[in-house]
Amino acid sequence: MAYDNLLFEVSEKIARITFNRPNVLNALNRKTMDELGDCLKTVRADDEIRVLILTGAGEKAFIAGADINELSQQTPVNGREFTLYGQEIIHRLETLGKPAIAAINGFALGGGCELALACTLRIASRNAKLGQPEVKLGIIPGYGGSQRLPRLCGKGVAHELILTGEMISAEEALRVGLVNRVVESSELLTTAEAIAKKIIANAPLAVKFAMEAVEHGMEMPQEEGLYLEATLFGLCCATQDMREGTRAFLEKRPPKFEGR
């Protein structure tokens, strides 16, 4: 499938989306968001795709933020529409039903950091820089940064990053829980793919239900979250994969999951 601002490929049940505007550090414009939305629909609908990896073209940036030329033209009315549309696309990523891994090479700022926040896991190259610098432009995060960042890293970390607008290193992002791992640039995609393959080796429905338990449970009181967990556990017990997984363990052989 051909796009102007994205590269999209599928191999061994792993889909890869590469933001491909290296001349502007892969900045997000409306066309890129349109293409991303379409791409995510394809990923969701294709049962052969088990994990999605997102990265940026070139060595300098994952996504350096919004396209400032477009951003500078926003009015109060279309500015609200601009953010709501972007939020909807990024929500589509967060609720994909399949794990998404952000392979963060270089700058992940503004909308780029917000897109990474919506992924299931974040792997950063050692040269990565992350941040929410919107206040330096007279605006605030508009693609979910003010909501997902405190949920992931805590209110204090979110306030510091958003109010100062300063970038942090990959190592600092790891320390505050913003990324899961930091690796050398040459190992970034191979690490993301290795994690993807570990996920793919597991039961597809169990992976999906586990993600639902975590994502929805985070928004519930613990007692409600435990009830959700028990309900999803019960659904797992109705699957052929559960029968296969337990049988394979008892028979001391690798399981052959079919997602049923």
C-alpha atoms as a PDB file:
ATOM      1  CA  MET A   1       0.000   0.000   0.000  1.00  0.00           C
ATOM      2  CA  ALA A   2       1.534   3.304  -1.108  1.00  0.00           C
ATOM      3  CA  TYR A   3       1.381   6.537   0.900  1.00  0.00           C
ATOM      4  CA  ASP A   4       3.064   9.908   0.372  1.00  0.00           C
ATOM      5  CA  ASN A   5       4.209  10.495   3.954  1.00  0.00           C
ATOM      6  CA  LEU A   6       4.351   6.973   5.367  1.00  0.00           C
ATOM      7  CA  LEU A   7       6.050   3.716   4.514  1.00  0.00           C
ATOM      8  CA  PHE A   8       3.947   0.651   5.343  1.00  0.00           C
ATOM      9  CA  GLU A   9       5.129  -2.929   5.230  1.00  0.00           C
ATOM     10  CA  VAL A  10       4.138  -6.269   6.736  1.00  0.00           C
ATOM     11  CA  SER A  11       6.452  -9.199   7.363  1.00  0.00           C
ATOM     12  CA  GLU A  12       6.185 -12.220   9.649  1.00  0.00           C
ATOM     13  CA  LYS A  13       2.963 -10.936  11.248  1.00  0.00           C
ATOM     14  CA  ILE A  14       4.627  -7.617  12.131  1.00  0.00           C
ATOM     15  CA  ALA A  15       3.434  -4.387  10.494  1.00  0.00           C
ATOM     16  CA  ARG A  16       5.805  -1.431  10.371  1.00  0.00           C
ATOM     17  CA  ILE A  17       4.768   2.188   9.857  1.00  0.00           C
ATOM     18  CA  THR A  18       7.648   4.562   9.123  1.00  0.00           C
ATOM     19  CA  PHE A  19       6.947   8.290   9.202  1.00  0.00           C
ATOM     20  CA  ASN A  20       8.688   9.408   6.038  1.00  0.00           C
ATOM     21  CA  ARG A  21       9.230  13.166   5.951  1.00  0.00           C
ATOM     22  CA  PRO A  22      12.893  13.287   6.983  1.00  0.00           C
ATOM     23  CA  ASN A  23      13.441  16.725   5.405  1.00  0.00           C
ATOM     24  CA  VAL A  24      11.150  18.190   8.126  1.00  0.00           C
ATOM     25  CA  LEU A  25      12.152  15.671  10.819  1.00  0.00           C
ATOM     26  CA  ASN A  26       8.968  13.668  10.124  1.00  0.00           C
ATOM     27  CA  ALA A  27       6.726  16.454  11.415  1.00  0.00           C
ATOM     28  CA  LEU A  28       3.024  15.623  11.582  1.00  0.00           C
ATOM     29  CA  ASN A  29       0.761  17.458   9.155  1.00  0.00           C
ATOM     30  CA  ARG A  30      -2.884  16.807   8.260  1.00  0.00           C
ATOM     31  CA  LYS A  31      -1.996  14.562   5.321  1.00  0.00           C
ATOM     32  CA  THR A  32       0.260  12.423   7.501  1.00  0.00           C
ATOM     33  CA  MET A  33      -2.511  12.038  10.078  1.00  0.00           C
ATOM     34  CA  ASP A  34      -4.982  11.118   7.314  1.00  0.00           C
ATOM     35  CA  GLU A  35      -2.614   8.430   6.077  1.00  0.00           C
ATOM     36  CA  LEU A  36      -1.923   7.177   9.597  1.00  0.00           C
ATOM     37  CA  GLY A  37      -5.646   6.829  10.255  1.00  0.00           C
ATOM     38  CA  ASP A  38      -6.112   4.822   7.080  1.00  0.00           C
ATOM     39  CA  CYS A  39      -3.094   2.676   7.880  1.00  0.00           C
ATOM     40  CA  LEU A  40      -4.386   1.878  11.358  1.00  0.00           C
ATOM     41  CA  LYS A  41      -7.706   0.722   9.914  1.00  0.00           C
ATOM     42  CA  THR A  42      -5.775  -1.726   7.736  1.00  0.00           C
ATOM     43  CA  VAL A  43      -3.762  -3.014  10.691  1.00  0.00           C
ATOM     44  CA  ARG A  44      -6.876  -3.515  12.823  1.00  0.00           C
ATOM     45  CA  ALA A  45      -8.737  -5.379  10.066  1.00  0.00           C
ATOM     46  CA  ASP A  46      -5.912  -7.758   9.103  1.00  0.00           C
ATOM     47  CA  ASP A  47      -5.945 -10.773  11.427  1.00  0.00           C
ATOM     48  CA  GLU A  48      -2.529 -11.832  10.135  1.00  0.00           C
ATOM     49  CA  ILE A  49      -0.973  -8.719  11.692  1.00  0.00           C
ATOM     50  CA  ARG A  50      -0.236  -9.351  15.358  1.00  0.00           C
ATOM     51  CA  VAL A  51       2.029  -6.434  16.347  1.00  0.00           C
ATOM     52  CA  LEU A  52       2.629  -2.928  14.976  1.00  0.00           C
ATOM     53  CA  ILE A  53       5.974  -1.101  15.107  1.00  0.00           C
ATOM     54  CA  LEU A  54       6.140   2.658  14.469  1.00  0.00           C
ATOM     55  CA  THR A  55       9.370   4.510  13.720  1.00  0.00           C
ATOM     56  CA  GLY A  56      10.727   7.495  11.815  1.00  0.00           C
ATOM     57  CA  ALA A  57      12.753   7.733   8.625  1.00  0.00           C
ATOM     58  CA  GLY A  58      16.335   8.891   8.953  1.00  0.00           C
ATOM     59  CA  GLU A  59      18.566   9.013  12.014  1.00  0.00           C
ATOM     60  CA  LYS A  60      17.511  12.378  13.465  1.00  0.00           C
ATOM     61  CA  ALA A  61      13.865  12.018  14.399  1.00  0.00           C
ATOM     62  CA  PHE A  62      11.002   9.710  15.262  1.00  0.00           C
ATOM     63  CA  ILE A  63       8.591  12.656  14.954  1.00  0.00           C
ATOM     64  CA  ALA A  64       9.823  16.128  15.875  1.00  0.00           C
ATOM     65  CA  GLY A  65       6.296  17.458  16.477  1.00  0.00           C
ATOM     66  CA  ALA A  66       3.562  19.144  14.493  1.00  0.00           C
ATOM     67  CA  ASP A  67       4.158  20.873  11.179  1.00  0.00           C
ATOM     68  CA  ILE A  68       4.633  24.471  12.376  1.00  0.00           C
ATOM     69  CA  ASN A  69       3.521  25.938   9.034  1.00  0.00           C
ATOM     70  CA  GLU A  70       0.105  24.316   9.482  1.00  0.00           C
ATOM     71  CA  LEU A  71       0.005  24.994  13.203  1.00  0.00           C
ATOM     72  CA  SER A  72       0.643  28.718  12.811  1.00  0.00           C
ATOM     73  CA  GLN A  73      -2.535  29.089  10.714  1.00  0.00           C
ATOM     74  CA  GLN A  74      -4.923  27.713  13.350  1.00  0.00           C
ATOM     75  CA  THR A  75      -7.835  29.823  14.602  1.00  0.00           C
ATOM     76  CA  PRO A  76      -9.807  29.123  17.807  1.00  0.00           C
ATOM     77  CA  VAL A  77     -12.451  27.239  15.822  1.00  0.00           C
ATOM     78  CA  ASN A  78     -10.293  25.123  13.546  1.00  0.00           C
ATOM     79  CA  GLY A  79      -7.651  24.756  16.275  1.00  0.00           C
ATOM     80  CA  ARG A  80     -10.159  22.802  18.341  1.00  0.00           C
ATOM     81  CA  GLU A  81     -11.076  20.697  15.305  1.00  0.00           C
ATOM     82  CA  PHE A  82      -7.378  20.195  14.586  1.00  0.00           C
ATOM     83  CA  THR A  83      -6.772  18.735  18.042  1.00  0.00           C
ATOM     84  CA  LEU A  84      -9.952  16.640  18.160  1.00  0.00           C
ATOM     85  CA  TYR A  85      -9.086  15.052  14.826  1.00  0.00           C
ATOM     86  CA  GLY A  86      -5.550  14.244  15.944  1.00  0.00           C
ATOM     87  CA  GLN A  87      -6.844  12.879  19.245  1.00  0.00           C
ATOM     88  CA  GLU A  88      -9.222  10.578  17.380  1.00  0.00           C
ATOM     89  CA  ILE A  89      -6.425   9.151  15.214  1.00  0.00           C
ATOM     90  CA  ILE A  90      -4.137   8.625  18.203  1.00  0.00           C
ATOM     91  CA  HIS A  91      -7.008   7.068  20.177  1.00  0.00           C
ATOM     92  CA  ARG A  92      -7.385   4.662  17.256  1.00  0.00           C
ATOM     93  CA  LEU A  93      -3.762   3.645  17.819  1.00  0.00           C
ATOM     94  CA  GLU A  94      -4.234   3.253  21.575  1.00  0.00           C
ATOM     95  CA  THR A  95      -7.331   1.069  21.100  1.00  0.00           C
ATOM     96  CA  LEU A  96      -6.001  -0.938  18.160  1.00  0.00           C
ATOM     97  CA  GLY A  97      -6.555  -4.241  19.956  1.00  0.00           C
ATOM     98  CA  LYS A  98      -2.999  -5.227  19.042  1.00  0.00           C
ATOM     99  CA  PRO A  99       0.270  -4.209  20.714  1.00  0.00           C
ATOM    100  CA  ALA A 100       1.980  -1.173  19.204  1.00  0.00           C
ATOM    101  CA  ILE A 101       5.683  -0.544  19.805  1.00  0.00           C
ATOM    102  CA  ALA A 102       7.200   2.908  19.297  1.00  0.00           C
ATOM    103  CA  ALA A 103      10.813   2.558  18.115  1.00  0.00           C
ATOM    104  CA  ILE A 104      11.972   6.077  18.971  1.00  0.00           C
ATOM    105  CA  ASN A 105      14.969   7.196  16.939  1.00  0.00           C
ATOM    106  CA  GLY A 106      16.067  10.759  17.685  1.00  0.00           C
ATOM    107  CA  PHE A 107      13.551  13.506  18.484  1.00  0.00           C
ATOM    108  CA  ALA A 108      10.088  12.597  19.782  1.00  0.00           C
ATOM    109  CA  LEU A 109       8.634  15.992  20.601  1.00  0.00           C
ATOM    110  CA  GLY A 110       5.121  17.387  20.880  1.00  0.00           C
ATOM    111  CA  GLY A 111       2.817  15.262  18.768  1.00  0.00           C
ATOM    112  CA  GLY A 112       5.608  12.745  18.314  1.00  0.00           C
ATOM    113  CA  CYS A 113       5.892  12.188  22.056  1.00  0.00           C
ATOM    114  CA  GLU A 114       2.093  12.066  22.296  1.00  0.00           C
ATOM    115  CA  LEU A 115       1.902   9.419  19.585  1.00  0.00           C
ATOM    116  CA  ALA A 116       4.544   7.361  21.413  1.00  0.00           C
ATOM    117  CA  LEU A 117       2.543   7.710  24.650  1.00  0.00           C
ATOM    118  CA  ALA A 118      -0.429   6.031  22.945  1.00  0.00           C
ATOM    119  CA  CYS A 119       1.669   2.983  22.035  1.00  0.00           C
ATOM    120  CA  THR A 120       1.753  -0.114  24.213  1.00  0.00           C
ATOM    121  CA  LEU A 121       5.554  -0.048  24.602  1.00  0.00           C
ATOM    122  CA  ARG A 122       8.282   2.491  23.876  1.00  0.00           C
ATOM    123  CA  ILE A 123      11.874   1.594  22.940  1.00  0.00           C
ATOM    124  CA  ALA A 124      14.291   4.523  22.593  1.00  0.00           C
ATOM    125  CA  SER A 125      17.637   4.791  20.871  1.00  0.00           C
ATOM    126  CA  ARG A 126      20.400   6.188  23.055  1.00  0.00           C
ATOM    127  CA  ASN A 127      20.363   9.470  21.098  1.00  0.00           C
ATOM    128  CA  ALA A 128      16.609   9.988  21.523  1.00  0.00           C
ATOM    129  CA  LYS A 129      15.234  13.215  22.980  1.00  0.00           C
ATOM    130  CA  LEU A 130      11.670  13.365  24.259  1.00  0.00           C
ATOM    131  CA  GLY A 131       9.500  16.246  25.395  1.00  0.00           C
ATOM    132  CA  GLN A 132       6.333  18.322  25.239  1.00  0.00           C
ATOM    133  CA  PRO A 133       7.602  21.787  24.192  1.00  0.00           C
ATOM    134  CA  GLU A 134       4.211  23.256  23.259  1.00  0.00           C
ATOM    135  CA  VAL A 135       4.331  26.041  25.878  1.00  0.00           C
ATOM    136  CA  LYS A 136       7.348  27.449  24.049  1.00  0.00           C
ATOM    137  CA  LEU A 137       4.974  28.059  21.113  1.00  0.00           C
ATOM    138  CA  GLY A 138       2.212  29.558  23.241  1.00  0.00           C
ATOM    139  CA  ILE A 139       0.014  26.453  23.204  1.00  0.00           C
ATOM    140  CA  ILE A 140      -0.473  23.276  25.259  1.00  0.00           C
ATOM    141  CA  PRO A 141      -0.262  19.608  24.231  1.00  0.00           C
ATOM    142  CA  GLY A 142      -3.231  18.844  21.992  1.00  0.00           C
ATOM    143  CA  TYR A 143      -2.911  15.170  21.099  1.00  0.00           C
ATOM    144  CA  GLY A 144      -3.356  13.751  24.587  1.00  0.00           C
ATOM    145  CA  GLY A 145      -0.048  14.621  26.249  1.00  0.00           C
ATOM    146  CA  SER A 146      -1.666  16.354  29.219  1.00  0.00           C
ATOM    147  CA  GLN A 147      -3.702  13.220  29.901  1.00  0.00           C
ATOM    148  CA  ARG A 148      -1.504  10.232  29.026  1.00  0.00           C
ATOM    149  CA  LEU A 149       1.783  11.579  30.396  1.00  0.00           C
ATOM    150  CA  PRO A 150       0.580  11.933  34.025  1.00  0.00           C
ATOM    151  CA  ARG A 151      -1.121   8.552  33.837  1.00  0.00           C
ATOM    152  CA  LEU A 152       2.126   6.942  32.684  1.00  0.00           C
ATOM    153  CA  CYS A 153       4.753   8.876  34.660  1.00  0.00           C
ATOM    154  CA  GLY A 154       2.847  10.641  37.427  1.00  0.00           C
ATOM    155  CA  LYS A 155       1.600  14.203  37.861  1.00  0.00           C
ATOM    156  CA  GLY A 156       4.920  15.647  39.030  1.00  0.00           C
ATOM    157  CA  VAL A 157       6.873  14.398  36.018  1.00  0.00           C
ATOM    158  CA  ALA A 158       4.108  15.500  33.651  1.00  0.00           C
ATOM    159  CA  HIS A 159       3.980  18.988  35.153  1.00  0.00           C
ATOM    160  CA  GLU A 160       7.735  19.408  34.880  1.00  0.00           C
ATOM    161  CA  LEU A 161       7.935  18.255  31.254  1.00  0.00           C
ATOM    162  CA  ILE A 162       4.866  20.163  30.079  1.00  0.00           C
ATOM    163  CA  LEU A 163       5.437  23.410  32.012  1.00  0.00           C
ATOM    164  CA  THR A 164       9.157  23.763  31.263  1.00  0.00           C
ATOM    165  CA  GLY A 165       8.840  22.501  27.694  1.00  0.00           C
ATOM    166  CA  GLU A 166      12.341  21.053  28.018  1.00  0.00           C
ATOM    167  CA  MET A 167      13.577  17.909  26.290  1.00  0.00           C
ATOM    168  CA  ILE A 168      14.904  14.967  28.276  1.00  0.00           C
ATOM    169  CA  SER A 169      17.413  12.307  27.274  1.00  0.00           C
ATOM    170  CA  ALA A 170      16.562   8.679  26.607  1.00  0.00           C
ATOM    171  CA  GLU A 171      18.195   7.705  29.914  1.00  0.00           C
ATOM    172  CA  GLU A 172      16.089  10.233  31.835  1.00  0.00           C
ATOM    173  CA  ALA A 173      12.971   9.042  29.986  1.00  0.00           C
ATOM    174  CA  LEU A 174      13.802   5.520  31.147  1.00  0.00           C
ATOM    175  CA  ARG A 175      14.298   6.693  34.734  1.00  0.00           C
ATOM    176  CA  VAL A 176      10.879   8.400  34.880  1.00  0.00           C
ATOM    177  CA  GLY A 177       9.078   5.523  33.159  1.00  0.00           C
ATOM    178  CA  LEU A 178       8.400   7.243  29.861  1.00  0.00           C
ATOM    179  CA  VAL A 179      10.192   4.524  27.874  1.00  0.00           C
ATOM    180  CA  ASN A 180      10.638   0.806  28.554  1.00  0.00           C
ATOM    181  CA  ARG A 181      14.175   0.364  27.227  1.00  0.00           C
ATOM    182  CA  VAL A 182      17.122   2.310  25.848  1.00  0.00           C
ATOM    183  CA  VAL A 183      19.314   0.661  23.222  1.00  0.00           C
ATOM    184  CA  GLU A 184      21.977   1.646  20.714  1.00  0.00           C
ATOM    185  CA  SER A 185      20.612   3.150  17.490  1.00  0.00           C
ATOM    186  CA  SER A 186      21.849   0.168  15.492  1.00  0.00           C
ATOM    187  CA  GLU A 187      19.830  -2.174  17.735  1.00  0.00           C
ATOM    188  CA  LEU A 188      16.568  -0.196  17.860  1.00  0.00           C
ATOM    189  CA  LEU A 189      14.517  -1.987  15.232  1.00  0.00           C
ATOM    190  CA  THR A 190      15.965  -5.418  15.951  1.00  0.00           C
ATOM    191  CA  THR A 191      15.050  -4.960  19.621  1.00  0.00           C
ATOM    192  CA  ALA A 192      11.511  -3.868  18.727  1.00  0.00           C
ATOM    193  CA  GLU A 193      11.145  -6.841  16.387  1.00  0.00           C
ATOM    194  CA  ALA A 194      12.494  -9.252  19.007  1.00  0.00           C
ATOM    195  CA  ILE A 195       9.885  -8.016  21.505  1.00  0.00           C
ATOM    196  CA  ALA A 196       7.198  -8.274  18.820  1.00  0.00           C
ATOM    197  CA  LYS A 197       8.148 -11.896  18.115  1.00  0.00           C
ATOM    198  CA  LYS A 198       7.945 -12.751  21.829  1.00  0.00           C
ATOM    199  CA  ILE A 199       4.419 -11.327  21.886  1.00  0.00           C
ATOM    200  CA  ILE A 200       3.470 -13.173  18.681  1.00  0.00           C
ATOM    201  CA  ALA A 201       4.541 -16.481  20.253  1.00  0.00           C
ATOM    202  CA  ASN A 202       1.748 -16.099  22.830  1.00  0.00           C
ATOM    203  CA  ALA A 203      -1.991 -16.717  22.491  1.00  0.00           C
ATOM    204  CA  PRO A 204      -3.539 -13.896  20.414  1.00  0.00           C
ATOM    205  CA  LEU A 205      -6.768 -13.638  22.412  1.00  0.00           C
ATOM    206  CA  ALA A 206      -4.933 -13.755  25.726  1.00  0.00           C
ATOM    207  CA  VAL A 207      -2.716 -10.885  24.556  1.00  0.00           C
ATOM    208  CA  LYS A 208      -5.781  -8.894  23.486  1.00  0.00           C
ATOM    209  CA  PHE A 209      -7.658  -9.503  26.733  1.00  0.00           C
ATOM    210  CA  ALA A 210      -4.570  -8.725  28.847  1.00  0.00           C
ATOM    211  CA  MET A 211      -4.258  -5.367  27.084  1.00  0.00           C
ATOM    212  CA  GLU A 212      -7.947  -4.646  27.753  1.00  0.00           C
ATOM    213  CA  ALA A 213      -7.508  -5.513  31.430  1.00  0.00           C
ATOM    214  CA  VAL A 214      -4.614  -3.077  31.794  1.00  0.00           C
ATOM    215  CA  GLU A 215      -5.976  -0.236  29.636  1.00  0.00           C
ATOM    216  CA  HIS A 216      -9.546  -0.227  30.966  1.00  0.00           C
ATOM    217  CA  GLY A 217      -8.547  -1.216  34.488  1.00  0.00           C
ATOM    218  CA  MET A 218      -6.352   1.892  34.773  1.00  0.00           C
ATOM    219  CA  GLU A 219      -9.487   4.028  34.468  1.00  0.00           C
ATOM    220  CA  MET A 220     -11.430   2.088  37.148  1.00  0.00           C
ATOM    221  CA  PRO A 221     -11.333   1.745  40.921  1.00  0.00           C
ATOM    222  CA  GLN A 222      -9.311  -1.349  41.802  1.00  0.00           C
ATOM    223  CA  GLU A 223     -12.347  -3.427  42.781  1.00  0.00           C
ATOM    224  CA  GLU A 224     -13.969  -2.787  39.390  1.00  0.00           C
ATOM    225  CA  GLY A 225     -10.672  -3.546  37.675  1.00  0.00           C
ATOM    226  CA  LEU A 226     -10.438  -6.870  39.487  1.00  0.00           C
ATOM    227  CA  TYR A 227     -13.969  -7.722  38.341  1.00  0.00           C
ATOM    228  CA  LEU A 228     -12.980  -6.869  34.766  1.00  0.00           C
ATOM    229  CA  GLU A 229      -9.893  -9.065  35.109  1.00  0.00           C
ATOM    230  CA  ALA A 230     -11.989 -12.002  36.349  1.00  0.00           C
ATOM    231  CA  THR A 231     -14.453 -11.566  33.483  1.00  0.00           C
ATOM    232  CA  LEU A 232     -11.700 -11.511  30.863  1.00  0.00           C
ATOM    233  CA  PHE A 233     -10.010 -14.492  32.546  1.00  0.00           C
ATOM    234  CA  GLY A 234     -13.295 -16.369  32.175  1.00  0.00           C
ATOM    235  CA  LEU A 235     -13.436 -15.470  28.483  1.00  0.00           C
ATOM    236  CA  CYS A 236      -9.922 -16.872  28.047  1.00  0.00           C
ATOM    237  CA  CYS A 237     -11.093 -20.145  29.589  1.00  0.00           C
ATOM    238  CA  ALA A 238     -13.653 -20.461  26.786  1.00  0.00           C
ATOM    239  CA  THR A 239     -11.012 -20.357  24.029  1.00  0.00           C
ATOM    240  CA  GLN A 240      -9.363 -23.164  22.120  1.00  0.00           C
ATOM    241  CA  ASP A 241      -6.055 -21.423  22.724  1.00  0.00           C
ATOM    242  CA  MET A 242      -6.438 -21.928  26.473  1.00  0.00           C
ATOM    243  CA  ARG A 243      -7.015 -25.661  25.917  1.00  0.00           C
ATOM    244  CA  GLU A 244      -4.031 -25.830  23.577  1.00  0.00           C
ATOM    245  CA  GLY A 245      -1.769 -23.817  25.885  1.00  0.00           C
ATOM    246  CA  THR A 246      -2.465 -25.909  28.978  1.00  0.00           C
ATOM    247  CA  ARG A 247      -2.305 -29.177  27.016  1.00  0.00           C
ATOM    248  CA  ALA A 248       1.006 -28.194  25.412  1.00  0.00           C
ATOM    249  CA  PHE A 249       2.457 -27.346  28.840  1.00  0.00           C
ATOM    250  CA  LEU A 250       1.436 -30.725  30.264  1.00  0.00           C
ATOM    251  CA  GLU A 251       2.749 -32.516  27.183  1.00  0.00           C
ATOM    252  CA  LYS A 252       6.024 -30.558  27.326  1.00  0.00           C
ATOM    253  CA  ARG A 253       5.783 -29.193  23.768  1.00  0.00           C
ATOM    254  CA  PRO A 254       5.470 -25.742  22.176  1.00  0.00           C
ATOM    255  CA  PRO A 255       1.837 -24.606  21.818  1.00  0.00           C
ATOM    256  CA  LYS A 256       0.242 -23.974  18.439  1.00  0.00           C
ATOM    257  CA  PHE A 257      -2.120 -21.082  18.993  1.00  0.00           C
ATOM    258  CA  GLU A 258      -4.762 -20.194  16.390  1.00  0.00           C
ATOM    259  CA  GLY A 259      -6.461 -17.203  17.990  1.00  0.00           C
ATOM    260  CA  ARG A 260      -9.694 -19.065  18.670  1.00  0.00           C
END
